[in-house]
Amino acid sequence: GGVLATVHEITQKVLGERRLSAVRELSTRSFEAKTVKGAC
């Protein structure tokens, strides 16, 4: 007789995972730097 659409917001989950990934990459790549300019 029809279709039931169940909508669940996951904005905070997506933003949290995205930002955690950025922080993780920054932390990992920071070991590449040998100088202050390199770190920047």
PDB file of all heavy atoms in Angstrom:
ATOM      1  N   GLY A   1       0.787  -1.227   0.000  1.00  0.00           N
ATOM      2  CA  GLY A   1       0.000   0.000   0.000  1.00  0.00           C
ATOM      3  C   GLY A   1       0.819   1.277   0.000  1.00  0.00           C
ATOM      4  O   GLY A   1       0.288   2.363  -0.237  1.00  0.00           O
ATOM      5  N   GLY A   2       2.113   1.175   0.253  1.00  0.00           N
ATOM      6  CA  GLY A   2       2.946   2.368   0.268  1.00  0.00           C
ATOM      7  C   GLY A   2       4.351   2.059   0.729  1.00  0.00           C
ATOM      8  O   GLY A   2       4.753   0.890   0.813  1.00  0.00           O
ATOM      9  N   VAL A   3       5.084   3.094   1.029  1.00  0.00           N
ATOM     10  CA  VAL A   3       6.469   2.956   1.471  1.00  0.00           C
ATOM     11  C   VAL A   3       6.677   3.818   2.716  1.00  0.00           C
ATOM     12  O   VAL A   3       6.257   4.982   2.756  1.00  0.00           O
ATOM     13  CB  VAL A   3       7.459   3.395   0.363  1.00  0.00           C
ATOM     14  CG1 VAL A   3       8.891   3.344   0.884  1.00  0.00           C
ATOM     15  CG2 VAL A   3       7.307   2.509  -0.864  1.00  0.00           C
ATOM     16  N   LEU A   4       7.308   3.242   3.720  1.00  0.00           N
ATOM     17  CA  LEU A   4       7.668   3.979   4.927  1.00  0.00           C
ATOM     18  C   LEU A   4       9.138   4.360   4.835  1.00  0.00           C
ATOM     19  O   LEU A   4      10.006   3.498   4.705  1.00  0.00           O
ATOM     20  CB  LEU A   4       7.441   3.113   6.168  1.00  0.00           C
ATOM     21  CG  LEU A   4       7.959   3.689   7.498  1.00  0.00           C
ATOM     22  CD1 LEU A   4       7.191   4.950   7.871  1.00  0.00           C
ATOM     23  CD2 LEU A   4       7.863   2.646   8.613  1.00  0.00           C
ATOM     24  N   ALA A   5       9.422   5.670   4.880  1.00  0.00           N
ATOM     25  CA  ALA A   5      10.800   6.159   4.866  1.00  0.00           C
ATOM     26  C   ALA A   5      11.183   6.567   6.283  1.00  0.00           C
ATOM     27  O   ALA A   5      10.571   7.462   6.868  1.00  0.00           O
ATOM     28  CB  ALA A   5      10.944   7.344   3.923  1.00  0.00           C
ATOM     29  N   THR A   6      12.173   5.901   6.849  1.00  0.00           N
ATOM     30  CA  THR A   6      12.659   6.207   8.190  1.00  0.00           C
ATOM     31  C   THR A   6      13.957   7.003   8.070  1.00  0.00           C
ATOM     32  O   THR A   6      14.939   6.513   7.510  1.00  0.00           O
ATOM     33  CB  THR A   6      12.910   4.921   8.989  1.00  0.00           C
ATOM     34  OG1 THR A   6      11.717   4.136   8.998  1.00  0.00           O
ATOM     35  CG2 THR A   6      13.321   5.238  10.410  1.00  0.00           C
ATOM     36  N   VAL A   7      13.937   8.228   8.594  1.00  0.00           N
ATOM     37  CA  VAL A   7      15.069   9.146   8.436  1.00  0.00           C
ATOM     38  C   VAL A   7      15.780   9.324   9.775  1.00  0.00           C
ATOM     39  O   VAL A   7      15.141   9.626  10.790  1.00  0.00           O
ATOM     40  CB  VAL A   7      14.589  10.509   7.911  1.00  0.00           C
ATOM     41  CG1 VAL A   7      15.772  11.445   7.682  1.00  0.00           C
ATOM     42  CG2 VAL A   7      13.787  10.333   6.617  1.00  0.00           C
ATOM     43  N   HIS A   8      17.091   9.120   9.757  1.00  0.00           N
ATOM     44  CA  HIS A   8      17.892   9.234  10.978  1.00  0.00           C
ATOM     45  C   HIS A   8      19.062  10.166  10.693  1.00  0.00           C
ATOM     46  O   HIS A   8      19.867   9.916   9.794  1.00  0.00           O
ATOM     47  CB  HIS A   8      18.408   7.858  11.403  1.00  0.00           C
ATOM     48  CG  HIS A   8      19.315   7.894  12.593  1.00  0.00           C
ATOM     49  ND1 HIS A   8      18.918   8.370  13.823  1.00  0.00           N
ATOM     50  CD2 HIS A   8      20.617   7.520  12.745  1.00  0.00           C
ATOM     51  CE1 HIS A   8      19.924   8.278  14.681  1.00  0.00           C
ATOM     52  NE2 HIS A   8      20.965   7.781  14.056  1.00  0.00           N
ATOM     53  N   GLU A   9      19.154  11.263  11.465  1.00  0.00           N
ATOM     54  CA  GLU A   9      20.241  12.214  11.230  1.00  0.00           C
ATOM     55  C   GLU A   9      21.557  11.691  11.809  1.00  0.00           C
ATOM     56  O   GLU A   9      21.607  11.235  12.960  1.00  0.00           O
ATOM     57  CB  GLU A   9      19.936  13.585  11.830  1.00  0.00           C
ATOM     58  CG  GLU A   9      21.016  14.611  11.508  1.00  0.00           C
ATOM     59  CD  GLU A   9      20.676  16.030  11.905  1.00  0.00           C
ATOM     60  OE1 GLU A   9      19.584  16.236  12.480  1.00  0.00           O
ATOM     61  OE2 GLU A   9      21.494  16.933  11.647  1.00  0.00           O
ATOM     62  N   ILE A  10      22.622  11.786  11.016  1.00  0.00           N
ATOM     63  CA  ILE A  10      23.945  11.317  11.442  1.00  0.00           C
ATOM     64  C   ILE A  10      24.994  12.422  11.257  1.00  0.00           C
ATOM     65  O   ILE A  10      26.179  12.122  11.131  1.00  0.00           O
ATOM     66  CB  ILE A  10      24.361  10.053  10.657  1.00  0.00           C
ATOM     67  CG1 ILE A  10      24.361  10.327   9.142  1.00  0.00           C
ATOM     68  CG2 ILE A  10      23.457   8.886  10.996  1.00  0.00           C
ATOM     69  CD1 ILE A  10      24.989   9.214   8.328  1.00  0.00           C
ATOM     70  N   THR A  11      24.543  13.679  11.262  1.00  0.00           N
ATOM     71  CA  THR A  11      25.459  14.792  11.000  1.00  0.00           C
ATOM     72  C   THR A  11      26.640  14.802  11.960  1.00  0.00           C
ATOM     73  O   THR A  11      27.798  14.890  11.539  1.00  0.00           O
ATOM     74  CB  THR A  11      24.716  16.139  11.084  1.00  0.00           C
ATOM     75  OG1 THR A  11      23.641  16.145  10.139  1.00  0.00           O
ATOM     76  CG2 THR A  11      25.650  17.302  10.780  1.00  0.00           C
ATOM     77  N   GLN A  12      26.368  14.710  13.256  1.00  0.00           N
ATOM     78  CA  GLN A  12      27.455  14.773  14.235  1.00  0.00           C
ATOM     79  C   GLN A  12      28.410  13.604  14.088  1.00  0.00           C
ATOM     80  O   GLN A  12      29.623  13.750  14.286  1.00  0.00           O
ATOM     81  CB  GLN A  12      26.873  14.833  15.656  1.00  0.00           C
ATOM     82  CG  GLN A  12      26.123  16.122  15.961  1.00  0.00           C
ATOM     83  CD  GLN A  12      26.951  17.365  15.703  1.00  0.00           C
ATOM     84  OE1 GLN A  12      28.130  17.443  16.088  1.00  0.00           O
ATOM     85  NE2 GLN A  12      26.376  18.354  15.042  1.00  0.00           N
ATOM     86  N   LYS A  13      27.891  12.446  13.736  1.00  0.00           N
ATOM     87  CA  LYS A  13      28.742  11.276  13.524  1.00  0.00           C
ATOM     88  C   LYS A  13      29.670  11.501  12.338  1.00  0.00           C
ATOM     89  O   LYS A  13      30.879  11.233  12.422  1.00  0.00           O
ATOM     90  CB  LYS A  13      27.874  10.043  13.284  1.00  0.00           C
ATOM     91  CG  LYS A  13      28.629   8.771  12.941  1.00  0.00           C
ATOM     92  CD  LYS A  13      27.668   7.599  12.796  1.00  0.00           C
ATOM     93  CE  LYS A  13      28.398   6.309  12.430  1.00  0.00           C
ATOM     94  NZ  LYS A  13      28.935   6.339  11.049  1.00  0.00           N
ATOM     95  N   VAL A  14      29.124  12.006  11.237  1.00  0.00           N
ATOM     96  CA  VAL A  14      29.930  12.248  10.037  1.00  0.00           C
ATOM     97  C   VAL A  14      30.993  13.312  10.307  1.00  0.00           C
ATOM     98  O   VAL A  14      32.167  13.150   9.954  1.00  0.00           O
ATOM     99  CB  VAL A  14      29.037  12.668   8.852  1.00  0.00           C
ATOM    100  CG1 VAL A  14      29.882  13.137   7.672  1.00  0.00           C
ATOM    101  CG2 VAL A  14      28.139  11.512   8.426  1.00  0.00           C
ATOM    102  N   LEU A  15      30.587  14.410  10.957  1.00  0.00           N
ATOM    103  CA  LEU A  15      31.543  15.481  11.253  1.00  0.00           C
ATOM    104  C   LEU A  15      32.632  14.983  12.200  1.00  0.00           C
ATOM    105  O   LEU A  15      33.816  15.295  12.022  1.00  0.00           O
ATOM    106  CB  LEU A  15      30.823  16.683  11.868  1.00  0.00           C
ATOM    107  CG  LEU A  15      29.787  17.401  11.012  1.00  0.00           C
ATOM    108  CD1 LEU A  15      29.248  18.623  11.754  1.00  0.00           C
ATOM    109  CD2 LEU A  15      30.363  17.812   9.665  1.00  0.00           C
ATOM    110  N   GLY A  16      32.217  14.206  13.209  1.00  0.00           N
ATOM    111  CA  GLY A  16      33.190  13.698  14.177  1.00  0.00           C
ATOM    112  C   GLY A  16      34.218  12.790  13.528  1.00  0.00           C
ATOM    113  O   GLY A  16      35.422  12.917  13.789  1.00  0.00           O
ATOM    114  N   GLU A  17      33.773  11.882  12.668  1.00  0.00           N
ATOM    115  CA  GLU A  17      34.700  10.970  11.992  1.00  0.00           C
ATOM    116  C   GLU A  17      35.608  11.735  11.040  1.00  0.00           C
ATOM    117  O   GLU A  17      36.802  11.425  10.929  1.00  0.00           O
ATOM    118  CB  GLU A  17      33.900   9.907  11.240  1.00  0.00           C
ATOM    119  CG  GLU A  17      33.194   8.924  12.164  1.00  0.00           C
ATOM    120  CD  GLU A  17      32.349   7.914  11.404  1.00  0.00           C
ATOM    121  OE1 GLU A  17      32.167   8.093  10.172  1.00  0.00           O
ATOM    122  OE2 GLU A  17      31.870   6.949  12.034  1.00  0.00           O
ATOM    123  N   ARG A  18      35.051  12.717  10.354  1.00  0.00           N
ATOM    124  CA  ARG A  18      35.842  13.514   9.412  1.00  0.00           C
ATOM    125  C   ARG A  18      36.937  14.297  10.141  1.00  0.00           C
ATOM    126  O   ARG A  18      38.092  14.336   9.694  1.00  0.00           O
ATOM    127  CB  ARG A  18      34.898  14.465   8.665  1.00  0.00           C
ATOM    128  CG  ARG A  18      35.534  15.257   7.553  1.00  0.00           C
ATOM    129  CD  ARG A  18      34.463  15.974   6.759  1.00  0.00           C
ATOM    130  NE  ARG A  18      33.932  17.141   7.437  1.00  0.00           N
ATOM    131  CZ  ARG A  18      32.801  17.763   7.080  1.00  0.00           C
ATOM    132  NH1 ARG A  18      32.087  17.295   6.077  1.00  0.00           N
ATOM    133  NH2 ARG A  18      32.382  18.832   7.731  1.00  0.00           N
ATOM    134  N   ARG A  19      36.586  14.898  11.244  1.00  0.00           N
ATOM    135  CA  ARG A  19      37.556  15.694  11.991  1.00  0.00           C
ATOM    136  C   ARG A  19      38.596  14.814  12.683  1.00  0.00           C
ATOM    137  O   ARG A  19      39.776  15.186  12.746  1.00  0.00           O
ATOM    138  CB  ARG A  19      36.811  16.570  13.003  1.00  0.00           C
ATOM    139  CG  ARG A  19      35.976  17.650  12.329  1.00  0.00           C
ATOM    140  CD  ARG A  19      34.995  18.300  13.272  1.00  0.00           C
ATOM    141  NE  ARG A  19      34.224  19.339  12.581  1.00  0.00           N
ATOM    142  CZ  ARG A  19      33.183  19.973  13.114  1.00  0.00           C
ATOM    143  NH1 ARG A  19      32.798  19.688  14.351  1.00  0.00           N
ATOM    144  NH2 ARG A  19      32.533  20.899  12.409  1.00  0.00           N
ATOM    145  N   LEU A  20      38.165  13.671  13.174  1.00  0.00           N
ATOM    146  CA  LEU A  20      39.117  12.742  13.787  1.00  0.00           C
ATOM    147  C   LEU A  20      40.135  12.267  12.765  1.00  0.00           C
ATOM    148  O   LEU A  20      41.333  12.165  13.062  1.00  0.00           O
ATOM    149  CB  LEU A  20      38.374  11.552  14.390  1.00  0.00           C
ATOM    150  CG  LEU A  20      39.239  10.494  15.082  1.00  0.00           C
ATOM    151  CD1 LEU A  20      40.006  11.111  16.248  1.00  0.00           C
ATOM    152  CD2 LEU A  20      38.375   9.335  15.561  1.00  0.00           C
ATOM    153  N   SER A  21      39.668  12.017  11.547  1.00  0.00           N
ATOM    154  CA  SER A  21      40.576  11.601  10.481  1.00  0.00           C
ATOM    155  C   SER A  21      41.593  12.692  10.173  1.00  0.00           C
ATOM    156  O   SER A  21      42.780  12.411   9.959  1.00  0.00           O
ATOM    157  CB  SER A  21      39.771  11.263   9.215  1.00  0.00           C
ATOM    158  OG  SER A  21      40.623  10.938   8.148  1.00  0.00           O
ATOM    159  N   ALA A  22      41.153  13.952  10.177  1.00  0.00           N
ATOM    160  CA  ALA A  22      42.062  15.065   9.910  1.00  0.00           C
ATOM    161  C   ALA A  22      43.117  15.190  11.002  1.00  0.00           C
ATOM    162  O   ALA A  22      44.309  15.375  10.723  1.00  0.00           O
ATOM    163  CB  ALA A  22      41.266  16.368   9.790  1.00  0.00           C
ATOM    164  N   VAL A  23      42.692  15.081  12.262  1.00  0.00           N
ATOM    165  CA  VAL A  23      43.627  15.180  13.385  1.00  0.00           C
ATOM    166  C   VAL A  23      44.615  14.020  13.357  1.00  0.00           C
ATOM    167  O   VAL A  23      45.815  14.197  13.604  1.00  0.00           O
ATOM    168  CB  VAL A  23      42.859  15.211  14.722  1.00  0.00           C
ATOM    169  CG1 VAL A  23      43.825  15.117  15.897  1.00  0.00           C
ATOM    170  CG2 VAL A  23      42.029  16.486  14.826  1.00  0.00           C
ATOM    171  N   ARG A  24      44.120  12.836  13.016  1.00  0.00           N
ATOM    172  CA  ARG A  24      44.984  11.660  12.949  1.00  0.00           C
ATOM    173  C   ARG A  24      46.047  11.833  11.857  1.00  0.00           C
ATOM    174  O   ARG A  24      47.223  11.522  12.060  1.00  0.00           O
ATOM    175  CB  ARG A  24      44.155  10.410  12.680  1.00  0.00           C
ATOM    176  CG  ARG A  24      44.968   9.116  12.711  1.00  0.00           C
ATOM    177  CD  ARG A  24      44.111   7.909  12.362  1.00  0.00           C
ATOM    178  NE  ARG A  24      43.037   7.717  13.333  1.00  0.00           N
ATOM    179  CZ  ARG A  24      41.742   7.813  13.042  1.00  0.00           C
ATOM    180  NH1 ARG A  24      41.352   8.113  11.814  1.00  0.00           N
ATOM    181  NH2 ARG A  24      40.833   7.605  13.977  1.00  0.00           N
ATOM    182  N   GLU A  25      45.615  12.346  10.690  1.00  0.00           N
ATOM    183  CA  GLU A  25      46.565  12.551   9.598  1.00  0.00           C
ATOM    184  C   GLU A  25      47.600  13.602   9.974  1.00  0.00           C
ATOM    185  O   GLU A  25      48.791  13.447   9.693  1.00  0.00           O
ATOM    186  CB  GLU A  25      45.830  12.975   8.325  1.00  0.00           C
ATOM    187  CG  GLU A  25      46.770  13.172   7.140  1.00  0.00           C
ATOM    188  CD  GLU A  25      46.056  13.638   5.882  1.00  0.00           C
ATOM    189  OE1 GLU A  25      44.812  13.778   5.910  1.00  0.00           O
ATOM    190  OE2 GLU A  25      46.740  13.879   4.870  1.00  0.00           O
ATOM    191  N   LEU A  26      47.150  14.660  10.616  1.00  0.00           N
ATOM    192  CA  LEU A  26      48.075  15.718  11.024  1.00  0.00           C
ATOM    193  C   LEU A  26      49.094  15.180  12.023  1.00  0.00           C
ATOM    194  O   LEU A  26      50.289  15.484  11.936  1.00  0.00           O
ATOM    195  CB  LEU A  26      47.293  16.877  11.639  1.00  0.00           C
ATOM    196  CG  LEU A  26      48.094  18.111  12.038  1.00  0.00           C
ATOM    197  CD1 LEU A  26      48.813  18.702  10.836  1.00  0.00           C
ATOM    198  CD2 LEU A  26      47.185  19.159  12.667  1.00  0.00           C
ATOM    199  N   SER A  27      48.629  14.368  12.968  1.00  0.00           N
ATOM    200  CA  SER A  27      49.525  13.786  13.970  1.00  0.00           C
ATOM    201  C   SER A  27      50.529  12.853  13.310  1.00  0.00           C
ATOM    202  O   SER A  27      51.723  12.872  13.639  1.00  0.00           O
ATOM    203  CB  SER A  27      48.702  13.033  15.011  1.00  0.00           C
ATOM    204  OG  SER A  27      49.540  12.387  15.944  1.00  0.00           O
ATOM    205  N   THR A  28      50.060  12.042  12.371  1.00  0.00           N
ATOM    206  CA  THR A  28      50.946  11.082  11.706  1.00  0.00           C
ATOM    207  C   THR A  28      51.983  11.786  10.847  1.00  0.00           C
ATOM    208  O   THR A  28      53.179  11.464  10.888  1.00  0.00           O
ATOM    209  CB  THR A  28      50.116  10.125  10.827  1.00  0.00           C
ATOM    210  OG1 THR A  28      49.181   9.425  11.654  1.00  0.00           O
ATOM    211  CG2 THR A  28      51.022   9.121  10.129  1.00  0.00           C
ATOM    212  N   ARG A  29      51.545  12.787  10.085  1.00  0.00           N
ATOM    213  CA  ARG A  29      52.444  13.461   9.155  1.00  0.00           C
ATOM    214  C   ARG A  29      53.402  14.421   9.850  1.00  0.00           C
ATOM    215  O   ARG A  29      54.409  14.826   9.258  1.00  0.00           O
ATOM    216  CB  ARG A  29      51.640  14.215   8.097  1.00  0.00           C
ATOM    217  CG  ARG A  29      50.860  13.327   7.133  1.00  0.00           C
ATOM    218  CD  ARG A  29      50.384  14.123   5.949  1.00  0.00           C
ATOM    219  NE  ARG A  29      51.512  14.727   5.255  1.00  0.00           N
ATOM    220  CZ  ARG A  29      51.386  15.774   4.421  1.00  0.00           C
ATOM    221  NH1 ARG A  29      50.221  16.317   4.207  1.00  0.00           N
ATOM    222  NH2 ARG A  29      52.455  16.278   3.836  1.00  0.00           N
ATOM    223  N   SER A  30      53.101  14.783  11.091  1.00  0.00           N
ATOM    224  CA  SER A  30      53.981  15.735  11.784  1.00  0.00           C
ATOM    225  C   SER A  30      55.387  15.180  11.966  1.00  0.00           C
ATOM    226  O   SER A  30      56.349  15.940  12.090  1.00  0.00           O
ATOM    227  CB  SER A  30      53.377  16.111  13.143  1.00  0.00           C
ATOM    228  OG  SER A  30      53.333  14.980  13.995  1.00  0.00           O
ATOM    229  N   PHE A  31      55.517  13.842  11.952  1.00  0.00           N
ATOM    230  CA  PHE A  31      56.834  13.237  12.109  1.00  0.00           C
ATOM    231  C   PHE A  31      57.708  13.451  10.878  1.00  0.00           C
ATOM    232  O   PHE A  31      58.920  13.242  10.922  1.00  0.00           O
ATOM    233  CB  PHE A  31      56.690  11.740  12.407  1.00  0.00           C
ATOM    234  CG  PHE A  31      56.124  11.447  13.761  1.00  0.00           C
ATOM    235  CD1 PHE A  31      54.795  11.086  13.908  1.00  0.00           C
ATOM    236  CD2 PHE A  31      56.906  11.561  14.892  1.00  0.00           C
ATOM    237  CE1 PHE A  31      54.264  10.832  15.158  1.00  0.00           C
ATOM    238  CE2 PHE A  31      56.393  11.297  16.153  1.00  0.00           C
ATOM    239  CZ  PHE A  31      55.064  10.934  16.291  1.00  0.00           C
ATOM    240  N   GLU A  32      57.100  13.858   9.753  1.00  0.00           N
ATOM    241  CA  GLU A  32      57.868  14.121   8.539  1.00  0.00           C
ATOM    242  C   GLU A  32      58.699  15.395   8.667  1.00  0.00           C
ATOM    243  O   GLU A  32      59.727  15.542   8.017  1.00  0.00           O
ATOM    244  CB  GLU A  32      56.924  14.269   7.339  1.00  0.00           C
ATOM    245  CG  GLU A  32      56.056  13.056   7.058  1.00  0.00           C
ATOM    246  CD  GLU A  32      55.041  13.342   5.965  1.00  0.00           C
ATOM    247  OE1 GLU A  32      55.153  14.417   5.325  1.00  0.00           O
ATOM    248  OE2 GLU A  32      54.140  12.514   5.743  1.00  0.00           O
ATOM    249  N   ALA A  33      58.246  16.326   9.491  1.00  0.00           N
ATOM    250  CA  ALA A  33      58.871  17.647   9.559  1.00  0.00           C
ATOM    251  C   ALA A  33      60.194  17.606  10.308  1.00  0.00           C
ATOM    252  O   ALA A  33      60.302  16.986  11.370  1.00  0.00           O
ATOM    253  CB  ALA A  33      57.925  18.633  10.226  1.00  0.00           C
ATOM    254  N   LYS A  34      61.190  18.281   9.759  1.00  0.00           N
ATOM    255  CA  LYS A  34      62.504  18.382  10.394  1.00  0.00           C
ATOM    256  C   LYS A  34      62.805  19.804  10.863  1.00  0.00           C
ATOM    257  O   LYS A  34      63.751  20.024  11.610  1.00  0.00           O
ATOM    258  CB  LYS A  34      63.592  17.939   9.414  1.00  0.00           C
ATOM    259  CG  LYS A  34      63.381  16.534   8.836  1.00  0.00           C
ATOM    260  CD  LYS A  34      63.319  15.469   9.926  1.00  0.00           C
ATOM    261  CE  LYS A  34      63.122  14.087   9.326  1.00  0.00           C
ATOM    262  NZ  LYS A  34      62.943  13.053  10.368  1.00  0.00           N
ATOM    263  N   THR A  35      61.999  20.764  10.395  1.00  0.00           N
ATOM    264  CA  THR A  35      62.195  22.166  10.759  1.00  0.00           C
ATOM    265  C   THR A  35      60.842  22.780  11.108  1.00  0.00           C
ATOM    266  O   THR A  35      59.784  22.188  10.844  1.00  0.00           O
ATOM    267  CB  THR A  35      62.812  22.968   9.603  1.00  0.00           C
ATOM    268  OG1 THR A  35      61.885  22.973   8.492  1.00  0.00           O
ATOM    269  CG2 THR A  35      64.132  22.346   9.154  1.00  0.00           C
ATOM    270  N   VAL A  36      60.869  23.979  11.676  1.00  0.00           N
ATOM    271  CA  VAL A  36      59.625  24.691  11.993  1.00  0.00           C
ATOM    272  C   VAL A  36      58.845  24.969  10.714  1.00  0.00           C
ATOM    273  O   VAL A  36      57.631  24.750  10.643  1.00  0.00           O
ATOM    274  CB  VAL A  36      59.936  26.006  12.735  1.00  0.00           C
ATOM    275  CG1 VAL A  36      58.669  26.831  12.908  1.00  0.00           C
ATOM    276  CG2 VAL A  36      60.569  25.719  14.085  1.00  0.00           C
ATOM    277  N   LYS A  37      59.544  25.442   9.686  1.00  0.00           N
ATOM    278  CA  LYS A  37      58.881  25.713   8.404  1.00  0.00           C
ATOM    279  C   LYS A  37      58.302  24.424   7.830  1.00  0.00           C
ATOM    280  O   LYS A  37      57.192  24.410   7.275  1.00  0.00           O
ATOM    281  CB  LYS A  37      59.884  26.323   7.418  1.00  0.00           C
ATOM    282  CG  LYS A  37      59.298  26.647   6.038  1.00  0.00           C
ATOM    283  CD  LYS A  37      58.220  27.702   6.126  1.00  0.00           C
ATOM    284  CE  LYS A  37      57.841  28.268   4.754  1.00  0.00           C
ATOM    285  NZ  LYS A  37      57.266  27.269   3.845  1.00  0.00           N
ATOM    286  N   GLY A  38      59.031  23.327   7.971  1.00  0.00           N
ATOM    287  CA  GLY A  38      58.537  22.047   7.485  1.00  0.00           C
ATOM    288  C   GLY A  38      57.267  21.624   8.205  1.00  0.00           C
ATOM    289  O   GLY A  38      56.337  21.088   7.588  1.00  0.00           O
ATOM    290  N   ALA A  39      57.208  21.867   9.504  1.00  0.00           N
ATOM    291  CA  ALA A  39      56.011  21.531  10.278  1.00  0.00           C
ATOM    292  C   ALA A  39      54.815  22.351   9.810  1.00  0.00           C
ATOM    293  O   ALA A  39      53.693  21.839   9.707  1.00  0.00           O
ATOM    294  CB  ALA A  39      56.271  21.768  11.762  1.00  0.00           C
ATOM    295  N   CYS A  40      55.058  23.624   9.520  1.00  0.00           N
ATOM    296  CA  CYS A  40      53.988  24.485   9.017  1.00  0.00           C
ATOM    297  C   CYS A  40      53.496  24.004   7.652  1.00  0.00           C
ATOM    298  O   CYS A  40      52.287  23.973   7.388  1.00  0.00           O
ATOM    299  CB  CYS A  40      54.469  25.931   8.915  1.00  0.00           C
ATOM    300  SG  CYS A  40      54.808  26.700  10.514  1.00  0.00           S
TER     301      CYS A  40
END
